[in-house]
N, C-alpha and C. Protein backbone atom coordinates (compact mmCIF):
# COMPACT_ATOMS: atom_id res chain seq x y z
N MET A 1 0.84 -1.17 0.00
CA MET A 1 0.00 0.00 0.00
C MET A 1 0.89 1.24 0.00
N LYS A 2 0.65 2.13 -0.94
CA LYS A 2 1.41 3.37 -1.02
C LYS A 2 0.82 4.39 -0.06
N VAL A 3 1.69 5.10 0.64
CA VAL A 3 1.25 6.15 1.56
C VAL A 3 1.43 7.49 0.85
N TYR A 4 0.37 8.26 0.81
CA TYR A 4 0.42 9.59 0.21
C TYR A 4 0.59 10.60 1.33
N TRP A 5 1.76 11.24 1.38
CA TRP A 5 2.08 12.14 2.48
C TRP A 5 1.43 13.50 2.34
N SER A 6 1.01 13.82 1.13
CA SER A 6 0.29 15.07 0.91
C SER A 6 -0.78 14.83 -0.14
N LEU A 7 -1.76 15.70 -0.20
CA LEU A 7 -2.80 15.55 -1.21
C LEU A 7 -2.25 15.80 -2.61
N LYS A 8 -1.19 16.57 -2.71
CA LYS A 8 -0.58 16.83 -4.02
C LYS A 8 0.06 15.57 -4.60
N SER A 9 0.46 14.63 -3.75
CA SER A 9 1.07 13.40 -4.23
C SER A 9 0.04 12.36 -4.70
N VAL A 10 -1.24 12.64 -4.50
CA VAL A 10 -2.30 11.75 -4.99
C VAL A 10 -2.50 12.06 -6.47
N PRO A 11 -2.30 11.08 -7.37
CA PRO A 11 -2.36 11.36 -8.81
C PRO A 11 -3.65 12.03 -9.28
N GLU A 12 -4.78 11.66 -8.70
CA GLU A 12 -6.05 12.22 -9.12
C GLU A 12 -6.20 13.70 -8.75
N LEU A 13 -5.44 14.16 -7.78
CA LEU A 13 -5.59 15.53 -7.28
C LEU A 13 -4.43 16.45 -7.65
N GLU A 14 -3.37 15.91 -8.23
CA GLU A 14 -2.17 16.71 -8.43
C GLU A 14 -2.36 17.90 -9.37
N ALA A 15 -3.31 17.85 -10.29
CA ALA A 15 -3.51 18.95 -11.23
C ALA A 15 -4.33 20.10 -10.64
N LEU A 16 -4.92 19.89 -9.48
CA LEU A 16 -5.77 20.91 -8.87
C LEU A 16 -4.95 21.87 -8.02
N THR A 17 -5.53 23.02 -7.73
CA THR A 17 -4.88 23.95 -6.81
C THR A 17 -4.99 23.40 -5.39
N ARG A 18 -4.22 23.96 -4.49
CA ARG A 18 -4.22 23.49 -3.10
C ARG A 18 -5.62 23.59 -2.49
N LYS A 19 -6.29 24.69 -2.72
CA LYS A 19 -7.63 24.90 -2.18
C LYS A 19 -8.62 23.88 -2.75
N GLU A 20 -8.54 23.62 -4.05
CA GLU A 20 -9.44 22.65 -4.69
C GLU A 20 -9.15 21.23 -4.19
N ARG A 21 -7.86 20.88 -4.03
CA ARG A 21 -7.51 19.55 -3.51
C ARG A 21 -8.12 19.34 -2.14
N ARG A 22 -7.98 20.33 -1.28
CA ARG A 22 -8.54 20.22 0.07
C ARG A 22 -10.05 20.06 0.04
N ARG A 23 -10.70 20.86 -0.80
CA ARG A 23 -12.16 20.79 -0.86
C ARG A 23 -12.64 19.44 -1.37
N VAL A 24 -12.02 18.96 -2.45
CA VAL A 24 -12.40 17.66 -3.01
C VAL A 24 -12.16 16.56 -1.97
N HIS A 25 -10.99 16.60 -1.33
CA HIS A 25 -10.68 15.58 -0.34
C HIS A 25 -11.66 15.61 0.84
N GLN A 26 -11.94 16.81 1.37
CA GLN A 26 -12.83 16.91 2.52
C GLN A 26 -14.24 16.46 2.19
N GLU A 27 -14.74 16.84 1.03
CA GLU A 27 -16.11 16.44 0.67
C GLU A 27 -16.19 14.94 0.41
N CYS A 28 -15.19 14.37 -0.25
CA CYS A 28 -15.19 12.92 -0.48
C CYS A 28 -14.99 12.17 0.84
N LEU A 29 -14.14 12.69 1.71
CA LEU A 29 -13.90 12.07 3.01
C LEU A 29 -15.21 11.98 3.80
N GLN A 30 -15.95 13.07 3.83
CA GLN A 30 -17.22 13.09 4.55
C GLN A 30 -18.23 12.13 3.92
N LYS A 31 -18.37 12.19 2.62
CA LYS A 31 -19.42 11.42 1.96
C LYS A 31 -19.11 9.92 1.88
N TYR A 32 -17.88 9.58 1.54
CA TYR A 32 -17.55 8.18 1.25
C TYR A 32 -16.77 7.46 2.35
N PHE A 33 -16.42 8.16 3.42
CA PHE A 33 -15.65 7.50 4.47
C PHE A 33 -16.27 7.70 5.85
N VAL A 34 -16.49 8.94 6.23
CA VAL A 34 -17.01 9.22 7.57
C VAL A 34 -18.47 8.82 7.70
N ARG A 35 -19.28 9.19 6.72
CA ARG A 35 -20.72 8.90 6.78
C ARG A 35 -21.13 7.61 6.08
N ALA A 36 -20.18 6.91 5.54
CA ALA A 36 -20.47 5.66 4.83
C ALA A 36 -20.56 4.49 5.82
N ARG A 37 -20.99 3.36 5.31
CA ARG A 37 -21.07 2.16 6.12
C ARG A 37 -19.69 1.80 6.66
N ALA A 38 -19.64 1.33 7.89
CA ALA A 38 -18.36 1.01 8.52
C ALA A 38 -17.67 -0.16 7.82
N THR A 39 -16.38 0.01 7.61
CA THR A 39 -15.55 -1.05 7.05
C THR A 39 -14.38 -1.27 8.00
N CYS A 40 -13.57 -2.27 7.72
CA CYS A 40 -12.40 -2.53 8.55
C CYS A 40 -11.45 -1.34 8.52
N ARG A 41 -11.26 -0.76 7.33
CA ARG A 41 -10.35 0.38 7.20
C ARG A 41 -10.88 1.61 7.94
N SER A 42 -12.17 1.89 7.82
CA SER A 42 -12.71 3.07 8.50
C SER A 42 -12.70 2.89 10.01
N THR A 43 -12.97 1.69 10.47
CA THR A 43 -12.91 1.41 11.90
C THR A 43 -11.49 1.58 12.41
N THR A 44 -10.52 1.10 11.64
CA THR A 44 -9.10 1.27 12.01
C THR A 44 -8.73 2.74 12.07
N ALA A 45 -9.20 3.52 11.10
CA ALA A 45 -8.89 4.95 11.06
C ALA A 45 -9.47 5.67 12.28
N PHE A 46 -10.72 5.38 12.61
CA PHE A 46 -11.35 6.00 13.77
C PHE A 46 -10.65 5.57 15.06
N PHE A 47 -10.30 4.30 15.15
CA PHE A 47 -9.60 3.80 16.33
C PHE A 47 -8.24 4.48 16.47
N ALA A 48 -7.53 4.64 15.35
CA ALA A 48 -6.22 5.31 15.38
C ALA A 48 -6.36 6.75 15.84
N LEU A 49 -7.38 7.44 15.36
CA LEU A 49 -7.62 8.83 15.76
C LEU A 49 -7.86 8.94 17.26
N ILE A 50 -8.70 8.07 17.79
CA ILE A 50 -9.02 8.08 19.22
C ILE A 50 -7.80 7.69 20.05
N LEU A 51 -7.08 6.66 19.63
CA LEU A 51 -5.92 6.18 20.37
C LEU A 51 -4.80 7.22 20.40
N ILE A 52 -4.50 7.82 19.25
CA ILE A 52 -3.45 8.84 19.18
C ILE A 52 -3.81 10.03 20.06
N THR A 53 -5.06 10.44 20.01
CA THR A 53 -5.50 11.56 20.83
C THR A 53 -5.38 11.24 22.31
N ALA A 54 -5.84 10.07 22.71
CA ALA A 54 -5.78 9.68 24.12
C ALA A 54 -4.34 9.58 24.62
N ILE A 55 -3.48 8.96 23.82
CA ILE A 55 -2.08 8.82 24.22
C ILE A 55 -1.40 10.19 24.29
N GLY A 56 -1.66 11.02 23.31
CA GLY A 56 -1.06 12.36 23.30
C GLY A 56 -1.49 13.21 24.47
N ILE A 57 -2.76 13.16 24.80
CA ILE A 57 -3.26 13.93 25.94
C ILE A 57 -2.67 13.39 27.24
N SER A 58 -2.55 12.07 27.34
CA SER A 58 -1.94 11.47 28.54
C SER A 58 -0.49 11.90 28.69
N ILE A 59 0.25 11.91 27.59
CA ILE A 59 1.65 12.32 27.63
C ILE A 59 1.76 13.79 28.04
N CYS A 60 0.93 14.63 27.44
CA CYS A 60 0.96 16.06 27.79
C CYS A 60 0.58 16.28 29.25
N THR A 61 -0.36 15.50 29.76
CA THR A 61 -0.76 15.62 31.16
C THR A 61 0.39 15.20 32.08
N LYS A 62 1.07 14.12 31.73
CA LYS A 62 2.22 13.66 32.53
C LYS A 62 3.34 14.70 32.51
N ILE A 63 3.58 15.30 31.36
CA ILE A 63 4.61 16.34 31.26
C ILE A 63 4.25 17.52 32.16
N SER A 64 2.98 17.94 32.10
CA SER A 64 2.58 19.07 32.94
C SER A 64 2.70 18.73 34.43
N GLU A 65 2.39 17.49 34.80
CA GLU A 65 2.53 17.07 36.20
C GLU A 65 4.00 17.07 36.61
N SER A 66 4.87 16.63 35.70
CA SER A 66 6.31 16.60 36.05
C SER A 66 6.88 18.01 36.17
N LEU A 67 6.24 18.98 35.54
CA LEU A 67 6.67 20.37 35.66
C LEU A 67 6.01 21.07 36.85
N GLY A 68 5.23 20.32 37.62
CA GLY A 68 4.61 20.86 38.83
C GLY A 68 3.26 21.52 38.60
N MET A 69 2.70 21.37 37.41
CA MET A 69 1.39 21.95 37.12
C MET A 69 0.31 20.92 37.39
N LYS A 70 -0.82 21.37 37.90
CA LYS A 70 -1.95 20.47 38.07
C LYS A 70 -2.68 20.36 36.73
N PRO A 71 -3.05 19.13 36.34
CA PRO A 71 -3.82 18.99 35.11
C PRO A 71 -5.16 19.70 35.26
N ASN A 72 -5.49 20.54 34.31
CA ASN A 72 -6.75 21.25 34.33
C ASN A 72 -7.27 21.42 32.91
N PHE A 73 -8.30 22.19 32.76
CA PHE A 73 -8.92 22.39 31.45
C PHE A 73 -7.93 22.95 30.44
N TRP A 74 -7.07 23.88 30.86
CA TRP A 74 -6.15 24.54 29.92
C TRP A 74 -5.08 23.59 29.43
N VAL A 75 -4.62 22.70 30.30
CA VAL A 75 -3.65 21.68 29.88
C VAL A 75 -4.31 20.74 28.87
N PHE A 76 -5.53 20.35 29.16
CA PHE A 76 -6.28 19.47 28.25
C PHE A 76 -6.49 20.16 26.90
N LEU A 77 -6.86 21.43 26.92
CA LEU A 77 -7.08 22.19 25.69
C LEU A 77 -5.80 22.34 24.88
N ALA A 78 -4.70 22.64 25.55
CA ALA A 78 -3.41 22.78 24.86
C ALA A 78 -2.98 21.45 24.26
N ALA A 79 -3.13 20.37 25.02
CA ALA A 79 -2.76 19.04 24.53
C ALA A 79 -3.62 18.65 23.33
N SER A 80 -4.89 18.93 23.42
CA SER A 80 -5.80 18.60 22.31
C SER A 80 -5.44 19.37 21.05
N SER A 81 -5.07 20.62 21.20
CA SER A 81 -4.74 21.43 20.03
C SER A 81 -3.45 20.96 19.37
N ILE A 82 -2.61 20.28 20.10
CA ILE A 82 -1.38 19.73 19.54
C ILE A 82 -1.63 18.36 18.93
N VAL A 83 -2.37 17.53 19.64
CA VAL A 83 -2.52 16.12 19.27
C VAL A 83 -3.58 15.88 18.20
N LEU A 84 -4.69 16.59 18.24
CA LEU A 84 -5.77 16.34 17.27
C LEU A 84 -5.35 16.52 15.81
N PRO A 85 -4.56 17.52 15.46
CA PRO A 85 -4.13 17.61 14.06
C PRO A 85 -3.28 16.41 13.62
N VAL A 86 -2.48 15.88 14.53
CA VAL A 86 -1.67 14.70 14.20
C VAL A 86 -2.59 13.50 13.94
N GLY A 87 -3.54 13.29 14.82
CA GLY A 87 -4.50 12.19 14.64
C GLY A 87 -5.33 12.36 13.38
N SER A 88 -5.72 13.58 13.10
CA SER A 88 -6.50 13.87 11.90
C SER A 88 -5.68 13.59 10.64
N PHE A 89 -4.40 13.94 10.66
CA PHE A 89 -3.52 13.68 9.52
C PHE A 89 -3.42 12.18 9.25
N ILE A 90 -3.20 11.40 10.29
CA ILE A 90 -3.09 9.95 10.14
C ILE A 90 -4.42 9.35 9.68
N PHE A 91 -5.51 9.83 10.24
CA PHE A 91 -6.85 9.39 9.82
C PHE A 91 -7.03 9.61 8.32
N SER A 92 -6.66 10.78 7.86
CA SER A 92 -6.81 11.13 6.45
C SER A 92 -5.94 10.24 5.56
N ARG A 93 -4.70 9.95 6.00
CA ARG A 93 -3.80 9.12 5.19
C ARG A 93 -4.33 7.69 5.09
N ILE A 94 -5.01 7.21 6.12
CA ILE A 94 -5.60 5.87 6.06
C ILE A 94 -6.77 5.87 5.07
N ALA A 95 -7.49 6.98 4.97
CA ALA A 95 -8.68 7.06 4.12
C ALA A 95 -8.37 7.27 2.65
N ILE A 96 -7.25 7.87 2.30
CA ILE A 96 -6.96 8.24 0.91
C ILE A 96 -7.07 7.06 -0.06
N PRO A 97 -6.52 5.87 0.22
CA PRO A 97 -6.66 4.77 -0.75
C PRO A 97 -8.12 4.40 -1.06
N VAL A 98 -8.99 4.56 -0.07
CA VAL A 98 -10.41 4.28 -0.29
C VAL A 98 -11.05 5.37 -1.14
N LEU A 99 -10.60 6.59 -0.96
CA LEU A 99 -11.21 7.74 -1.63
C LEU A 99 -10.73 7.96 -3.06
N ARG A 100 -9.61 7.42 -3.43
CA ARG A 100 -9.05 7.69 -4.76
C ARG A 100 -10.03 7.46 -5.91
N PRO A 101 -10.80 6.38 -5.92
CA PRO A 101 -11.75 6.21 -7.03
C PRO A 101 -12.83 7.29 -7.07
N PHE A 102 -13.14 7.87 -5.94
CA PHE A 102 -14.21 8.87 -5.88
C PHE A 102 -13.74 10.27 -6.23
N TYR A 103 -12.45 10.53 -6.15
CA TYR A 103 -11.94 11.86 -6.46
C TYR A 103 -12.28 12.28 -7.88
N LEU A 104 -11.94 11.45 -8.86
CA LEU A 104 -12.21 11.81 -10.27
C LEU A 104 -13.71 11.93 -10.52
N GLU A 105 -14.47 11.02 -9.97
CA GLU A 105 -15.93 11.08 -10.11
C GLU A 105 -16.46 12.40 -9.56
N PHE A 106 -15.96 12.80 -8.41
CA PHE A 106 -16.39 14.05 -7.79
C PHE A 106 -15.97 15.25 -8.64
N ILE A 107 -14.75 15.24 -9.13
CA ILE A 107 -14.24 16.34 -9.95
C ILE A 107 -15.05 16.47 -11.24
N GLU A 108 -15.40 15.35 -11.85
CA GLU A 108 -16.17 15.38 -13.10
C GLU A 108 -17.58 15.91 -12.89
N LYS A 109 -18.18 15.63 -11.73
CA LYS A 109 -19.54 16.08 -11.45
C LYS A 109 -19.61 17.54 -11.08
N ARG A 110 -18.54 18.09 -10.51
CA ARG A 110 -18.53 19.48 -10.05
C ARG A 110 -17.90 20.38 -11.09
N PRO A 111 -18.70 21.27 -11.68
CA PRO A 111 -18.13 22.17 -12.70
C PRO A 111 -17.15 23.20 -12.14
N SER A 112 -17.23 23.48 -10.84
CA SER A 112 -16.35 24.50 -10.26
C SER A 112 -14.95 23.98 -9.99
N VAL A 113 -14.75 22.64 -10.06
CA VAL A 113 -13.43 22.06 -9.87
C VAL A 113 -12.93 21.64 -11.25
N GLU A 114 -11.88 22.28 -11.70
CA GLU A 114 -11.35 22.00 -13.03
C GLU A 114 -10.00 21.34 -12.93
N LEU A 115 -9.73 20.46 -13.89
CA LEU A 115 -8.43 19.83 -13.97
C LEU A 115 -7.47 20.69 -14.74
């Protein structure tokens, strides 16, 4: 399985602008992965997102405790703002192989997205 580190490296999206790539990816992700019937891959992606977030928040909480800070809402908020983008990135990379067939279909149906 090839890992696409950026949306520009996905062959179906490489001709689009950065803004168009993001829009196509986000709309296809919502329609064909997040709101679609659960599969082994989607379950793995959701599990990875939850696990990475939980581990990251735990690590940040332990770091704050070792620095003498009490864990509170602000530590949780700071940890979440650091960890959630990482989990979201990994979630998206797991979903890209499933979404590739839908990218071209989506681009062809939408007149505002041009190749």
